[in-house]
């Protein structure tokens, strides 16, 4: 099993969710986040004053999937989230040793 963590633009959430469901991802966690990468934010004017907006709104999506679904899920995220502009986001993959469903103590891939 692997955990997929993707940081994407908020406007791409619906497209990424739909693409993941089509790729066979049955569950995911979505968190609103703020951060920046290379784009480093920007400045805005409000009521005549300049403000630095250095933490931009992002969406962090997490899903633990069986090994055979990982490539399809990553491809789905790339296809749905990519605009070609700076700030499109990142995908992180990490190995998951065990998953346990709290309700009935199922373990492994059946717990997903």
PDB file of N, CA and C in Angstrom:
ATOM      1  N   UNK A   1       0.844  -1.179   0.000  1.00  0.00           N
ATOM      2  CA  UNK A   1       0.000   0.000   0.000  1.00  0.00           C
ATOM      3  C   UNK A   1       0.882   1.232   0.000  1.00  0.00           C
ATOM      4  N   UNK A   2       0.364   2.287  -0.599  1.00  0.00           N
ATOM      5  CA  UNK A   2       1.087   3.551  -0.604  1.00  0.00           C
ATOM      6  C   UNK A   2       0.136   4.697  -0.279  1.00  0.00           C
ATOM      7  N   UNK A   3       0.702   5.696   0.362  1.00  0.00           N
ATOM      8  CA  UNK A   3      -0.054   6.912   0.662  1.00  0.00           C
ATOM      9  C   UNK A   3       0.311   7.948  -0.381  1.00  0.00           C
ATOM     10  N   UNK A   4      -0.708   8.507  -1.001  1.00  0.00           N
ATOM     11  CA  UNK A   4      -0.530   9.575  -1.974  1.00  0.00           C
ATOM     12  C   UNK A   4      -0.958  10.869  -1.296  1.00  0.00           C
ATOM     13  N   UNK A   5      -0.050  11.831  -1.258  1.00  0.00           N
ATOM     14  CA  UNK A   5      -0.369  13.162  -0.754  1.00  0.00           C
ATOM     15  C   UNK A   5      -0.184  14.122  -1.919  1.00  0.00           C
ATOM     16  N   UNK A   6      -1.214  14.856  -2.250  1.00  0.00           N
ATOM     17  CA  UNK A   6      -1.132  15.806  -3.352  1.00  0.00           C
ATOM     18  C   UNK A   6      -1.542  17.179  -2.847  1.00  0.00           C
ATOM     19  N   UNK A   7      -0.729  18.171  -3.167  1.00  0.00           N
ATOM     20  CA  UNK A   7      -1.053  19.559  -2.861  1.00  0.00           C
ATOM     21  C   UNK A   7      -1.405  20.196  -4.193  1.00  0.00           C
ATOM     22  N   UNK A   8      -2.644  20.669  -4.315  1.00  0.00           N
ATOM     23  CA  UNK A   8      -3.141  21.168  -5.596  1.00  0.00           C
ATOM     24  C   UNK A   8      -3.809  22.529  -5.421  1.00  0.00           C
ATOM     25  N   UNK A   9      -4.113  23.159  -6.540  1.00  0.00           N
ATOM     26  CA  UNK A   9      -4.851  24.417  -6.518  1.00  0.00           C
ATOM     27  C   UNK A   9      -6.310  24.140  -6.151  1.00  0.00           C
ATOM     28  N   UNK A  10      -6.920  25.023  -5.350  1.00  0.00           N
ATOM     29  CA  UNK A  10      -8.318  24.801  -4.935  1.00  0.00           C
ATOM     30  C   UNK A  10      -9.294  24.648  -6.099  1.00  0.00           C
ATOM     31  N   UNK A  11      -9.074  25.359  -7.162  1.00  0.00           N
ATOM     32  CA  UNK A  11      -9.977  25.292  -8.310  1.00  0.00           C
ATOM     33  C   UNK A  11      -9.940  23.966  -9.053  1.00  0.00           C
ATOM     34  N   UNK A  12      -8.964  23.135  -8.771  1.00  0.00           N
ATOM     35  CA  UNK A  12      -8.831  21.838  -9.438  1.00  0.00           C
ATOM     36  C   UNK A  12      -9.376  20.683  -8.613  1.00  0.00           C
ATOM     37  N   UNK A  13      -9.902  20.966  -7.428  1.00  0.00           N
ATOM     38  CA  UNK A  13     -10.336  19.895  -6.527  1.00  0.00           C
ATOM     39  C   UNK A  13     -11.388  18.990  -7.146  1.00  0.00           C
ATOM     40  N   UNK A  14     -12.446  19.539  -7.689  1.00  0.00           N
ATOM     41  CA  UNK A  14     -13.524  18.700  -8.242  1.00  0.00           C
ATOM     42  C   UNK A  14     -13.025  17.801  -9.366  1.00  0.00           C
ATOM     43  N   UNK A  15     -12.207  18.349 -10.249  1.00  0.00           N
ATOM     44  CA  UNK A  15     -11.683  17.558 -11.362  1.00  0.00           C
ATOM     45  C   UNK A  15     -10.782  16.432 -10.856  1.00  0.00           C
ATOM     46  N   UNK A  16      -9.951  16.728  -9.860  1.00  0.00           N
ATOM     47  CA  UNK A  16      -9.049  15.706  -9.312  1.00  0.00           C
ATOM     48  C   UNK A  16      -9.846  14.627  -8.591  1.00  0.00           C
ATOM     49  N   UNK A  17     -10.845  15.030  -7.807  1.00  0.00           N
ATOM     50  CA  UNK A  17     -11.689  14.049  -7.109  1.00  0.00           C
ATOM     51  C   UNK A  17     -12.354  13.096  -8.091  1.00  0.00           C
ATOM     52  N   UNK A  18     -12.959  13.641  -9.133  1.00  0.00           N
ATOM     53  CA  UNK A  18     -13.634  12.805 -10.138  1.00  0.00           C
ATOM     54  C   UNK A  18     -12.646  11.869 -10.830  1.00  0.00           C
ATOM     55  N   UNK A  19     -11.461  12.380 -11.155  1.00  0.00           N
ATOM     56  CA  UNK A  19     -10.458  11.559 -11.829  1.00  0.00           C
ATOM     57  C   UNK A  19      -9.981  10.427 -10.919  1.00  0.00           C
ATOM     58  N   UNK A  20      -9.818  10.695  -9.632  1.00  0.00           N
ATOM     59  CA  UNK A  20      -9.396   9.648  -8.700  1.00  0.00           C
ATOM     60  C   UNK A  20     -10.462   8.572  -8.537  1.00  0.00           C
ATOM     61  N   UNK A  21     -11.712   8.977  -8.463  1.00  0.00           N
ATOM     62  CA  UNK A  21     -12.800   8.001  -8.344  1.00  0.00           C
ATOM     63  C   UNK A  21     -12.820   7.098  -9.579  1.00  0.00           C
ATOM     64  N   UNK A  22     -12.652   7.698 -10.762  1.00  0.00           N
ATOM     65  CA  UNK A  22     -12.604   6.907 -11.997  1.00  0.00           C
ATOM     66  C   UNK A  22     -11.397   5.966 -12.023  1.00  0.00           C
ATOM     67  N   UNK A  23     -10.304   6.370 -11.354  1.00  0.00           N
ATOM     68  CA  UNK A  23      -9.084   5.548 -11.329  1.00  0.00           C
ATOM     69  C   UNK A  23      -9.165   4.423 -10.311  1.00  0.00           C
ATOM     70  N   UNK A  24     -10.234   4.385  -9.515  1.00  0.00           N
ATOM     71  CA  UNK A  24     -10.406   3.293  -8.566  1.00  0.00           C
ATOM     72  C   UNK A  24     -10.056   3.626  -7.131  1.00  0.00           C
ATOM     73  N   UNK A  25      -9.858   4.908  -6.829  1.00  0.00           N
ATOM     74  CA  UNK A  25      -9.582   5.317  -5.451  1.00  0.00           C
ATOM     75  C   UNK A  25     -10.918   5.420  -4.723  1.00  0.00           C
ATOM     76  N   UNK A  26     -11.072   4.627  -3.657  1.00  0.00           N
ATOM     77  CA  UNK A  26     -12.372   4.557  -2.986  1.00  0.00           C
ATOM     78  C   UNK A  26     -12.517   5.507  -1.810  1.00  0.00           C
ATOM     79  N   UNK A  27     -11.423   6.019  -1.294  1.00  0.00           N
ATOM     80  CA  UNK A  27     -11.515   6.940  -0.163  1.00  0.00           C
ATOM     81  C   UNK A  27     -10.382   7.939  -0.174  1.00  0.00           C
ATOM     82  N   UNK A  28     -10.659   9.124   0.312  1.00  0.00           N
ATOM     83  CA  UNK A  28      -9.636  10.165   0.357  1.00  0.00           C
ATOM     84  C   UNK A  28      -9.966  11.158   1.451  1.00  0.00           C
ATOM     85  N   UNK A  29      -8.963  11.868   1.907  1.00  0.00           N
ATOM     86  CA  UNK A  29      -9.126  12.932   2.887  1.00  0.00           C
ATOM     87  C   UNK A  29      -8.675  14.222   2.230  1.00  0.00           C
ATOM     88  N   UNK A  30      -9.482  15.271   2.395  1.00  0.00           N
ATOM     89  CA  UNK A  30      -9.181  16.552   1.771  1.00  0.00           C
ATOM     90  C   UNK A  30      -9.121  17.617   2.860  1.00  0.00           C
ATOM     91  N   UNK A  31      -8.031  18.389   2.844  1.00  0.00           N
ATOM     92  CA  UNK A  31      -7.802  19.414   3.856  1.00  0.00           C
ATOM     93  C   UNK A  31      -7.492  20.732   3.162  1.00  0.00           C
ATOM     94  N   UNK A  32      -8.110  21.817   3.629  1.00  0.00           N
ATOM     95  CA  UNK A  32      -7.746  23.138   3.128  1.00  0.00           C
ATOM     96  C   UNK A  32      -6.438  23.541   3.793  1.00  0.00           C
ATOM     97  N   UNK A  33      -5.496  24.031   2.993  1.00  0.00           N
ATOM     98  CA  UNK A  33      -4.177  24.379   3.520  1.00  0.00           C
ATOM     99  C   UNK A  33      -3.739  25.719   2.945  1.00  0.00           C
ATOM    100  N   UNK A  34      -2.653  26.242   3.472  1.00  0.00           N
ATOM    101  CA  UNK A  34      -2.040  27.462   2.957  1.00  0.00           C
ATOM    102  C   UNK A  34      -0.545  27.210   2.860  1.00  0.00           C
ATOM    103  N   UNK A  35       0.060  27.695   1.812  1.00  0.00           N
ATOM    104  CA  UNK A  35       1.485  27.504   1.660  1.00  0.00           C
ATOM    105  C   UNK A  35       1.998  28.160   0.398  1.00  0.00           C
ATOM    106  N   UNK A  36       3.280  27.982   0.146  1.00  0.00           N
ATOM    107  CA  UNK A  36       3.868  28.477  -1.102  1.00  0.00           C
ATOM    108  C   UNK A  36       5.081  27.644  -1.451  1.00  0.00           C
ATOM    109  N   UNK A  37       5.382  27.650  -2.701  1.00  0.00           N
ATOM    110  CA  UNK A  37       6.570  26.988  -3.205  1.00  0.00           C
ATOM    111  C   UNK A  37       7.408  28.030  -3.905  1.00  0.00           C
ATOM    112  N   UNK A  38       7.738  27.780  -5.138  1.00  0.00           N
ATOM    113  CA  UNK A  38       8.576  28.711  -5.891  1.00  0.00           C
ATOM    114  C   UNK A  38       7.895  30.037  -6.177  1.00  0.00           C
ATOM    115  N   UNK A  39       6.561  30.059  -6.222  1.00  0.00           N
ATOM    116  CA  UNK A  39       5.895  31.312  -6.579  1.00  0.00           C
ATOM    117  C   UNK A  39       5.993  32.348  -5.471  1.00  0.00           C
ATOM    118  N   UNK A  40       6.271  31.954  -4.248  1.00  0.00           N
ATOM    119  CA  UNK A  40       6.541  32.840  -3.109  1.00  0.00           C
ATOM    120  C   UNK A  40       5.438  33.849  -2.797  1.00  0.00           C
ATOM    121  N   UNK A  41       4.248  33.655  -3.295  1.00  0.00           N
ATOM    122  CA  UNK A  41       3.157  34.581  -2.997  1.00  0.00           C
ATOM    123  C   UNK A  41       3.203  35.810  -3.886  1.00  0.00           C
ATOM    124  N   UNK A  42       2.471  36.838  -3.477  1.00  0.00           N
ATOM    125  CA  UNK A  42       2.393  38.067  -4.256  1.00  0.00           C
ATOM    126  C   UNK A  42       1.966  39.211  -3.336  1.00  0.00           C
ATOM    127  N   UNK A  43       1.932  40.419  -3.880  1.00  0.00           N
ATOM    128  CA  UNK A  43       1.466  41.562  -3.087  1.00  0.00           C
ATOM    129  C   UNK A  43       0.118  42.016  -3.617  1.00  0.00           C
ATOM    130  N   UNK A  44      -0.705  42.534  -2.733  1.00  0.00           N
ATOM    131  CA  UNK A  44      -2.018  43.063  -3.095  1.00  0.00           C
ATOM    132  C   UNK A  44      -2.191  44.420  -2.435  1.00  0.00           C
ATOM    133  N   UNK A  45      -3.048  45.227  -3.033  1.00  0.00           N
ATOM    134  CA  UNK A  45      -3.393  46.520  -2.444  1.00  0.00           C
ATOM    135  C   UNK A  45      -4.798  46.444  -1.892  1.00  0.00           C
ATOM    136  N   UNK A  46      -4.983  46.904  -0.660  1.00  0.00           N
ATOM    137  CA  UNK A  46      -6.298  46.933  -0.026  1.00  0.00           C
ATOM    138  C   UNK A  46      -6.432  48.262   0.700  1.00  0.00           C
ATOM    139  N   UNK A  47      -7.402  49.046   0.286  1.00  0.00           N
ATOM    140  CA  UNK A  47      -7.641  50.371   0.872  1.00  0.00           C
ATOM    141  C   UNK A  47      -6.378  51.230   0.861  1.00  0.00           C
ATOM    142  N   UNK A  48      -5.690  51.191  -0.260  1.00  0.00           N
ATOM    143  CA  UNK A  48      -4.530  52.035  -0.452  1.00  0.00           C
ATOM    144  C   UNK A  48      -3.248  51.543   0.181  1.00  0.00           C
ATOM    145  N   UNK A  49      -3.279  50.409   0.838  1.00  0.00           N
ATOM    146  CA  UNK A  49      -2.066  49.873   1.473  1.00  0.00           C
ATOM    147  C   UNK A  49      -1.655  48.577   0.788  1.00  0.00           C
ATOM    148  N   UNK A  50      -0.373  48.355   0.745  1.00  0.00           N
ATOM    149  CA  UNK A  50       0.157  47.153   0.113  1.00  0.00           C
ATOM    150  C   UNK A  50       0.335  46.058   1.165  1.00  0.00           C
ATOM    151  N   UNK A  51      -0.102  44.846   0.837  1.00  0.00           N
ATOM    152  CA  UNK A  51       0.016  43.698   1.737  1.00  0.00           C
ATOM    153  C   UNK A  51       0.706  42.556   1.005  1.00  0.00           C
ATOM    154  N   UNK A  52       1.571  41.868   1.717  1.00  0.00           N
ATOM    155  CA  UNK A  52       2.225  40.690   1.154  1.00  0.00           C
ATOM    156  C   UNK A  52       1.350  39.473   1.431  1.00  0.00           C
ATOM    157  N   UNK A  53       0.997  38.764   0.395  1.00  0.00           N
ATOM    158  CA  UNK A  53       0.243  37.516   0.524  1.00  0.00           C
ATOM    159  C   UNK A  53       1.234  36.407   0.199  1.00  0.00           C
ATOM    160  N   UNK A  54       1.888  35.894   1.250  1.00  0.00           N
ATOM    161  CA  UNK A  54       2.941  34.912   1.002  1.00  0.00           C
ATOM    162  C   UNK A  54       2.501  33.476   1.244  1.00  0.00           C
ATOM    163  N   UNK A  55       1.321  33.280   1.807  1.00  0.00           N
ATOM    164  CA  UNK A  55       0.768  31.933   1.965  1.00  0.00           C
ATOM    165  C   UNK A  55      -0.510  31.859   1.143  1.00  0.00           C
ATOM    166  N   UNK A  56      -0.453  31.087   0.098  1.00  0.00           N
ATOM    167  CA  UNK A  56      -1.570  30.995  -0.838  1.00  0.00           C
ATOM    168  C   UNK A  56      -2.473  29.814  -0.484  1.00  0.00           C
ATOM    169  N   UNK A  57      -3.764  29.915  -0.782  1.00  0.00           N
ATOM    170  CA  UNK A  57      -4.661  28.791  -0.494  1.00  0.00           C
ATOM    171  C   UNK A  57      -4.344  27.588  -1.382  1.00  0.00           C
ATOM    172  N   UNK A  58      -4.317  26.434  -0.760  1.00  0.00           N
ATOM    173  CA  UNK A  58      -4.054  25.171  -1.452  1.00  0.00           C
ATOM    174  C   UNK A  58      -5.006  24.111  -0.897  1.00  0.00           C
ATOM    175  N   UNK A  59      -5.076  22.995  -1.567  1.00  0.00           N
ATOM    176  CA  UNK A  59      -5.824  21.830  -1.094  1.00  0.00           C
ATOM    177  C   UNK A  59      -4.829  20.688  -0.943  1.00  0.00           C
ATOM    178  N   UNK A  60      -4.873  20.021   0.206  1.00  0.00           N
ATOM    179  CA  UNK A  60      -4.042  18.826   0.409  1.00  0.00           C
ATOM    180  C   UNK A  60      -4.970  17.626   0.383  1.00  0.00           C
ATOM    181  N   UNK A  61      -4.695  16.728  -0.519  1.00  0.00           N
ATOM    182  CA  UNK A  61      -5.505  15.526  -0.699  1.00  0.00           C
ATOM    183  C   UNK A  61      -4.651  14.328  -0.303  1.00  0.00           C
ATOM    184  N   UNK A  62      -5.192  13.446   0.525  1.00  0.00           N
ATOM    185  CA  UNK A  62      -4.474  12.246   0.950  1.00  0.00           C
ATOM    186  C   UNK A  62      -5.315  11.018   0.649  1.00  0.00           C
ATOM    187  N   UNK A  63      -4.668   9.974   0.163  1.00  0.00           N
ATOM    188  CA  UNK A  63      -5.348   8.704  -0.094  1.00  0.00           C
ATOM    189  C   UNK A  63      -4.342   7.571   0.070  1.00  0.00           C
ATOM    190  N   UNK A  64      -4.757   6.514   0.726  1.00  0.00           N
ATOM    191  CA  UNK A  64      -3.937   5.306   0.823  1.00  0.00           C
ATOM    192  C   UNK A  64      -4.561   4.294  -0.131  1.00  0.00           C
ATOM    193  N   UNK A  65      -3.741   3.788  -1.044  1.00  0.00           N
ATOM    194  CA  UNK A  65      -4.262   2.915  -2.099  1.00  0.00           C
ATOM    195  C   UNK A  65      -3.404   1.658  -2.215  1.00  0.00           C
ATOM    196  N   UNK A  66      -3.995   0.574  -2.731  1.00  0.00           N
ATOM    197  CA  UNK A  66      -3.202  -0.634  -2.998  1.00  0.00           C
ATOM    198  C   UNK A  66      -2.141  -0.338  -4.055  1.00  0.00           C
ATOM    199  N   UNK A  67      -1.064  -1.088  -4.042  1.00  0.00           N
ATOM    200  CA  UNK A  67       0.048  -0.854  -4.964  1.00  0.00           C
ATOM    201  C   UNK A  67      -0.390  -0.843  -6.433  1.00  0.00           C
ATOM    202  N   UNK A  68      -1.336  -1.683  -6.792  1.00  0.00           N
ATOM    203  CA  UNK A  68      -1.735  -1.761  -8.200  1.00  0.00           C
ATOM    204  C   UNK A  68      -2.533  -0.544  -8.672  1.00  0.00           C
ATOM    205  N   UNK A  69      -2.974   0.309  -7.766  1.00  0.00           N
ATOM    206  CA  UNK A  69      -3.763   1.496  -8.128  1.00  0.00           C
ATOM    207  C   UNK A  69      -2.895   2.758  -8.166  1.00  0.00           C
ATOM    208  N   UNK A  70      -1.689   2.700  -7.618  1.00  0.00           N
ATOM    209  CA  UNK A  70      -0.857   3.897  -7.446  1.00  0.00           C
ATOM    210  C   UNK A  70      -0.606   4.616  -8.765  1.00  0.00           C
ATOM    211  N   UNK A  71      -0.147   3.911  -9.787  1.00  0.00           N
ATOM    212  CA  UNK A  71       0.184   4.568 -11.056  1.00  0.00           C
ATOM    213  C   UNK A  71      -1.039   5.222 -11.696  1.00  0.00           C
ATOM    214  N   UNK A  72      -2.182   4.540 -11.671  1.00  0.00           N
ATOM    215  CA  UNK A  72      -3.412   5.120 -12.223  1.00  0.00           C
ATOM    216  C   UNK A  72      -3.821   6.371 -11.453  1.00  0.00           C
ATOM    217  N   UNK A  73      -3.698   6.323 -10.127  1.00  0.00           N
ATOM    218  CA  UNK A  73      -4.084   7.463  -9.298  1.00  0.00           C
ATOM    219  C   UNK A  73      -3.168   8.658  -9.543  1.00  0.00           C
ATOM    220  N   UNK A  74      -1.874   8.422  -9.623  1.00  0.00           N
ATOM    221  CA  UNK A  74      -0.924   9.509  -9.883  1.00  0.00           C
ATOM    222  C   UNK A  74      -1.188  10.119 -11.252  1.00  0.00           C
ATOM    223  N   UNK A  75      -1.403   9.291 -12.248  1.00  0.00           N
ATOM    224  CA  UNK A  75      -1.702   9.788 -13.600  1.00  0.00           C
ATOM    225  C   UNK A  75      -2.989  10.609 -13.592  1.00  0.00           C
ATOM    226  N   UNK A  76      -4.002  10.160 -12.838  1.00  0.00           N
ATOM    227  CA  UNK A  76      -5.265  10.891 -12.749  1.00  0.00           C
ATOM    228  C   UNK A  76      -5.056  12.273 -12.141  1.00  0.00           C
ATOM    229  N   UNK A  77      -4.256  12.352 -11.078  1.00  0.00           N
ATOM    230  CA  UNK A  77      -3.987  13.650 -10.450  1.00  0.00           C
ATOM    231  C   UNK A  77      -3.233  14.560 -11.408  1.00  0.00           C
ATOM    232  N   UNK A  78      -2.201  14.021 -12.045  1.00  0.00           N
ATOM    233  CA  UNK A  78      -1.419  14.828 -12.984  1.00  0.00           C
ATOM    234  C   UNK A  78      -2.284  15.385 -14.110  1.00  0.00           C
ATOM    235  N   UNK A  79      -3.118  14.546 -14.670  1.00  0.00           N
ATOM    236  CA  UNK A  79      -3.957  14.966 -15.786  1.00  0.00           C
ATOM    237  C   UNK A  79      -4.985  16.014 -15.359  1.00  0.00           C
ATOM    238  N   UNK A  80      -5.613  15.809 -14.203  1.00  0.00           N
ATOM    239  CA  UNK A  80      -6.682  16.704 -13.767  1.00  0.00           C
ATOM    240  C   UNK A  80      -6.176  18.002 -13.148  1.00  0.00           C
ATOM    241  N   UNK A  81      -4.992  18.004 -12.542  1.00  0.00           N
ATOM    242  CA  UNK A  81      -4.528  19.182 -11.802  1.00  0.00           C
ATOM    243  C   UNK A  81      -3.579  20.073 -12.602  1.00  0.00           C
ATOM    244  N   UNK A  82      -3.046  19.566 -13.681  1.00  0.00           N
ATOM    245  CA  UNK A  82      -2.006  20.288 -14.398  1.00  0.00           C
ATOM    246  C   UNK A  82      -2.561  21.421 -15.249  1.00  0.00           C
ATOM    247  N   UNK A  83      -1.994  22.614 -15.060  1.00  0.00           N
ATOM    248  CA  UNK A  83      -2.326  23.760 -15.919  1.00  0.00           C
ATOM    249  C   UNK A  83      -1.114  24.205 -16.716  1.00  0.00           C
ATOM    250  N   UNK A  84       0.072  23.768 -16.287  1.00  0.00           N
ATOM    251  CA  UNK A  84       1.301  24.190 -16.940  1.00  0.00           C
ATOM    252  C   UNK A  84       1.879  25.457 -16.332  1.00  0.00           C
ATOM    253  N   UNK A  85       1.220  25.995 -15.321  1.00  0.00           N
ATOM    254  CA  UNK A  85       1.688  27.217 -14.665  1.00  0.00           C
ATOM    255  C   UNK A  85       2.352  26.880 -13.341  1.00  0.00           C
ATOM    256  N   UNK A  86       3.188  27.796 -12.883  1.00  0.00           N
ATOM    257  CA  UNK A  86       3.819  27.627 -11.587  1.00  0.00           C
ATOM    258  C   UNK A  86       2.730  27.609 -10.512  1.00  0.00           C
ATOM    259  N   UNK A  87       2.880  26.758  -9.519  1.00  0.00           N
ATOM    260  CA  UNK A  87       1.876  26.658  -8.459  1.00  0.00           C
ATOM    261  C   UNK A  87       0.877  25.539  -8.656  1.00  0.00           C
ATOM    262  N   UNK A  88       1.086  24.693  -9.668  1.00  0.00           N
ATOM    263  CA  UNK A  88       0.164  23.572  -9.897  1.00  0.00           C
ATOM    264  C   UNK A  88       0.165  22.588  -8.737  1.00  0.00           C
ATOM    265  N   UNK A  89       1.278  22.461  -8.023  1.00  0.00           N
ATOM    266  CA  UNK A  89       1.310  21.604  -6.844  1.00  0.00           C
ATOM    267  C   UNK A  89       2.356  20.520  -6.916  1.00  0.00           C
ATOM    268  N   UNK A  90       2.236  19.580  -5.987  1.00  0.00           N
ATOM    269  CA  UNK A  90       3.187  18.474  -5.861  1.00  0.00           C
ATOM    270  C   UNK A  90       2.434  17.211  -5.481  1.00  0.00           C
ATOM    271  N   UNK A  91       3.048  16.067  -5.781  1.00  0.00           N
ATOM    272  CA  UNK A  91       2.537  14.762  -5.354  1.00  0.00           C
ATOM    273  C   UNK A  91       3.656  14.065  -4.597  1.00  0.00           C
ATOM    274  N   UNK A  92       3.328  13.524  -3.432  1.00  0.00           N
ATOM    275  CA  UNK A  92       4.291  12.788  -2.622  1.00  0.00           C
ATOM    276  C   UNK A  92       3.770  11.370  -2.419  1.00  0.00           C
ATOM    277  N   UNK A  93       4.641  10.386  -2.551  1.00  0.00           N
ATOM    278  CA  UNK A  93       4.288   8.981  -2.342  1.00  0.00           C
ATOM    279  C   UNK A  93       5.109   8.442  -1.184  1.00  0.00           C
ATOM    280  N   UNK A  94       4.457   7.707  -0.297  1.00  0.00           N
ATOM    281  CA  UNK A  94       5.179   7.058   0.797  1.00  0.00           C
ATOM    282  C   UNK A  94       4.565   5.696   1.071  1.00  0.00           C
ATOM    283  N   UNK A  95       5.399   4.786   1.510  1.00  0.00           N
ATOM    284  CA  UNK A  95       4.981   3.414   1.788  1.00  0.00           C
ATOM    285  C   UNK A  95       4.163   3.374   3.066  1.00  0.00           C
ATOM    286  N   UNK A  96       3.092   2.593   3.077  1.00  0.00           N
ATOM    287  CA  UNK A  96       2.261   2.388   4.263  1.00  0.00           C
ATOM    288  C   UNK A  96       2.413   0.935   4.679  1.00  0.00           C
ATOM    289  N   UNK A  97       2.853   0.714   5.883  1.00  0.00           N
ATOM    290  CA  UNK A  97       3.097  -0.640   6.385  1.00  0.00           C
ATOM    291  C   UNK A  97       1.799  -1.354   6.768  1.00  0.00           C
ATOM    292  N   UNK A  98       0.873  -0.620   7.339  1.00  0.00           N
ATOM    293  CA  UNK A  98      -0.353  -1.261   7.835  1.00  0.00           C
ATOM    294  C   UNK A  98      -1.498  -0.265   7.838  1.00  0.00           C
ATOM    295  N   UNK A  99      -2.690  -0.764   7.617  1.00  0.00           N
ATOM    296  CA  UNK A  99      -3.916   0.022   7.749  1.00  0.00           C
ATOM    297  C   UNK A  99      -4.877  -0.797   8.600  1.00  0.00           C
ATOM    298  N   UNK A 100      -5.563  -0.135   9.508  1.00  0.00           N
ATOM    299  CA  UNK A 100      -6.493  -0.825  10.405  1.00  0.00           C
ATOM    300  C   UNK A 100      -7.799  -0.058  10.431  1.00  0.00           C
ATOM    301  N   UNK A 101      -8.885  -0.741  10.113  1.00  0.00           N
ATOM    302  CA  UNK A 101     -10.212  -0.130  10.207  1.00  0.00           C
ATOM    303  C   UNK A 101     -10.652  -0.194  11.667  1.00  0.00           C
ATOM    304  N   UNK A 102     -11.000   0.925  12.231  1.00  0.00           N
ATOM    305  CA  UNK A 102     -11.360   1.005  13.645  1.00  0.00           C
ATOM    306  C   UNK A 102     -12.641   0.234  13.945  1.00  0.00           C
ATOM    307  N   UNK A 103     -13.636   0.331  13.079  1.00  0.00           N
ATOM    308  CA  UNK A 103     -14.942  -0.277  13.328  1.00  0.00           C
ATOM    309  C   UNK A 103     -14.869  -1.762  13.650  1.00  0.00           C
ATOM    310  N   UNK A 104     -14.138  -2.517  12.824  1.00  0.00           N
ATOM    311  CA  UNK A 104     -14.125  -3.974  13.027  1.00  0.00           C
ATOM    312  C   UNK A 104     -12.720  -4.579  13.055  1.00  0.00           C
ATOM    313  N   UNK A 105     -11.713  -3.732  13.116  1.00  0.00           N
ATOM    314  CA  UNK A 105     -10.319  -4.146  13.231  1.00  0.00           C
ATOM    315  C   UNK A 105      -9.773  -4.889  12.006  1.00  0.00           C
ATOM    316  N   UNK A 106     -10.413  -4.703  10.838  1.00  0.00           N
ATOM    317  CA  UNK A 106      -9.838  -5.258   9.604  1.00  0.00           C
ATOM    318  C   UNK A 106      -8.453  -4.667   9.405  1.00  0.00           C
ATOM    319  N   UNK A 107      -7.547  -5.475   8.852  1.00  0.00           N
ATOM    320  CA  UNK A 107      -6.173  -5.018   8.641  1.00  0.00           C
ATOM    321  C   UNK A 107      -5.754  -5.195   7.180  1.00  0.00           C
ATOM    322  N   UNK A 108      -4.804  -4.375   6.779  1.00  0.00           N
ATOM    323  CA  UNK A 108      -4.262  -4.470   5.424  1.00  0.00           C
ATOM    324  C   UNK A 108      -5.152  -3.787   4.405  1.00  0.00           C
ATOM    325  N   UNK A 109      -5.068  -4.252   3.161  1.00  0.00           N
ATOM    326  CA  UNK A 109      -5.816  -3.620   2.061  1.00  0.00           C
ATOM    327  C   UNK A 109      -7.319  -3.702   2.251  1.00  0.00           C
ATOM    328  N   UNK A 110      -7.844  -4.705   2.950  1.00  0.00           N
ATOM    329  CA  UNK A 110      -9.291  -4.781   3.183  1.00  0.00           C
ATOM    330  C   UNK A 110      -9.767  -3.646   4.086  1.00  0.00           C
ATOM    331  N   UNK A 111      -8.850  -3.048   4.848  1.00  0.00           N
ATOM    332  CA  UNK A 111      -9.214  -1.934   5.716  1.00  0.00           C
ATOM    333  C   UNK A 111      -9.375  -0.630   4.950  1.00  0.00           C
ATOM    334  N   UNK A 112      -8.901  -0.603   3.710  1.00  0.00           N
ATOM    335  CA  UNK A 112      -9.024   0.616   2.913  1.00  0.00           C
ATOM    336  C   UNK A 112     -10.453   0.799   2.485  1.00  0.00           C
TER     337      UNK A 112
END
